[in-house]
Structures are given as C-alpha cells and as structure tokens.
Protein backbone atom coordinates (compact mmCIF):
# COMPACT_ATOMS: atom_id res chain seq x y z
CA UNK A 1 41.63 5.59 -11.39
CA UNK A 2 39.30 3.10 -13.04
CA UNK A 3 39.88 -0.63 -12.17
CA UNK A 4 38.88 -3.50 -14.51
CA UNK A 5 37.65 -4.26 -17.83
CA UNK A 6 35.83 -1.81 -19.89
CA UNK A 7 32.41 -3.04 -20.70
CA UNK A 8 32.09 -3.86 -24.48
CA UNK A 9 28.88 -3.65 -26.27
CA UNK A 10 27.98 -7.00 -27.81
CA UNK A 11 26.45 -7.65 -31.15
CA UNK A 12 23.35 -9.61 -32.15
CA UNK A 13 23.88 -12.37 -34.25
CA UNK A 14 22.84 -12.20 -37.98
CA UNK A 15 19.88 -13.93 -37.82
CA UNK A 16 17.93 -12.57 -34.70
CA UNK A 17 14.99 -10.80 -35.13
CA UNK A 18 14.79 -7.17 -33.30
CA UNK A 19 11.46 -6.12 -31.42
CA UNK A 20 10.33 -2.55 -32.30
CA UNK A 21 8.49 -0.43 -30.14
CA UNK A 22 4.87 -0.08 -30.48
CA UNK A 23 5.18 3.72 -29.79
CA UNK A 24 3.20 5.89 -26.91
CA UNK A 25 0.27 4.45 -25.55
CA UNK A 26 -1.19 8.30 -24.90
CA UNK A 27 0.30 11.06 -27.10
CA UNK A 28 -0.31 14.57 -25.94
CA UNK A 29 -0.60 17.47 -27.98
CA UNK A 30 1.57 20.19 -26.90
CA UNK A 31 -1.04 22.76 -28.05
CA UNK A 32 -4.05 20.99 -26.67
CA UNK A 33 -6.95 22.99 -25.29
CA UNK A 34 -7.21 23.85 -22.05
CA UNK A 35 -10.21 22.15 -20.68
CA UNK A 36 -13.08 24.13 -19.15
CA UNK A 37 -13.71 24.17 -15.32
CA UNK A 38 -17.07 25.33 -15.60
CA UNK A 39 -18.52 21.64 -14.83
CA UNK A 40 -16.18 21.59 -11.76
CA UNK A 41 -17.25 24.58 -10.48
CA UNK A 42 -21.19 23.98 -11.15
CA UNK A 43 -20.97 20.76 -9.53
CA UNK A 44 -19.54 21.81 -6.28
CA UNK A 45 -22.00 24.93 -6.32
CA UNK A 46 -24.49 22.43 -6.52
CA UNK A 47 -23.22 20.09 -3.89
CA UNK A 48 -23.18 23.16 -1.69
CA UNK A 49 -26.56 23.95 -2.31
CA UNK A 50 -27.88 20.44 -1.35
CA UNK A 51 -25.81 20.59 1.81
CA UNK A 52 -27.37 23.67 2.79
CA UNK A 53 -31.09 22.51 2.13
CA UNK A 54 -30.31 19.35 3.73
CA UNK A 55 -28.97 21.28 7.13
CA UNK A 56 -31.86 23.71 7.16
CA UNK A 57 -34.29 21.00 6.86
CA UNK A 58 -32.60 19.16 9.86
CA UNK A 59 -32.50 21.97 11.85
CA UNK A 60 -36.15 23.00 11.45
CA UNK A 61 -36.89 19.42 12.56
CA UNK A 62 -35.22 19.70 15.30
CA UNK A 63 -36.42 23.13 16.43
CA UNK A 64 -40.00 22.08 15.83
CA UNK A 65 -39.38 19.32 17.81
CA UNK A 66 -37.66 21.06 20.84
CA UNK A 67 -40.60 23.61 20.79
CA UNK A 68 -43.35 21.16 20.59
CA UNK A 69 -42.13 19.45 23.93
CA UNK A 70 -42.48 22.30 26.15
CA UNK A 71 -42.77 19.90 29.31
CA UNK A 72 -39.47 19.27 31.36
CA UNK A 73 -38.70 15.73 32.77
CA UNK A 74 -38.37 15.72 36.09
CA UNK A 75 -34.57 16.02 36.06
CA UNK A 76 -34.81 19.04 34.21
CA UNK A 77 -37.31 20.49 36.29
CA UNK A 78 -34.81 20.03 39.57
CA UNK A 79 -31.95 21.20 37.51
CA UNK A 80 -33.87 24.57 36.87
CA UNK A 81 -35.21 24.87 40.49
CA UNK A 82 -31.64 24.31 42.16
CA UNK A 83 -30.08 27.43 43.29
CA UNK A 84 -26.90 28.22 41.23
CA UNK A 85 -23.71 29.21 42.73
CA UNK A 86 -22.93 33.15 42.72
CA UNK A 87 -20.71 34.18 39.80
CA UNK A 88 -17.15 35.48 41.12
CA UNK A 89 -16.27 39.11 40.03
CA UNK A 90 -13.38 39.61 37.92
C-alpha cells in the first residue's frame, strides 16, 4: 500500500523562458560505411618488421662480440678445467 502524497508536477510561471536543448554533439549515421582495417594491419606489419630487424642486428652484434673474444678469463678457464660430477643414471 502506498504511503504519503502523490507527487504533483508543478507548472512553470507564465513569463519564464524554457531552455531548449542544442541536440546531440555527435550524430552517428545508421548506415555509415565500415572503416577499413588496412591501415592498422599495415602499421602492425611494419612494427613487426622493424622489431625483427632490430633483434637480428642486436643478435649479430652479440655473436660477433662473442666470437671475436676467443680468450677465456682466468675464472672461466678454472671452471672449464674443473672436474664435473658424474650424471646419475635414470
């Protein structure tokens, strides 16, 4: 059961002005053409190519650096000469 008074809509005074809405800021067409995904796909392919090229160049530099320094440090030589423990059979 409802309690209390019903809400009554009040009327504006006779001389007052009513603000009109300006409408929607952005209108969207129902039948607008679907935007192409070609630019986004092309951009991602370019990023992948650049990443691969940078990684390849970095790997090539590291390989050249590793192969050019053939001498081992004293610690590396000791580690190479140290006997290794036998591998347990499974």
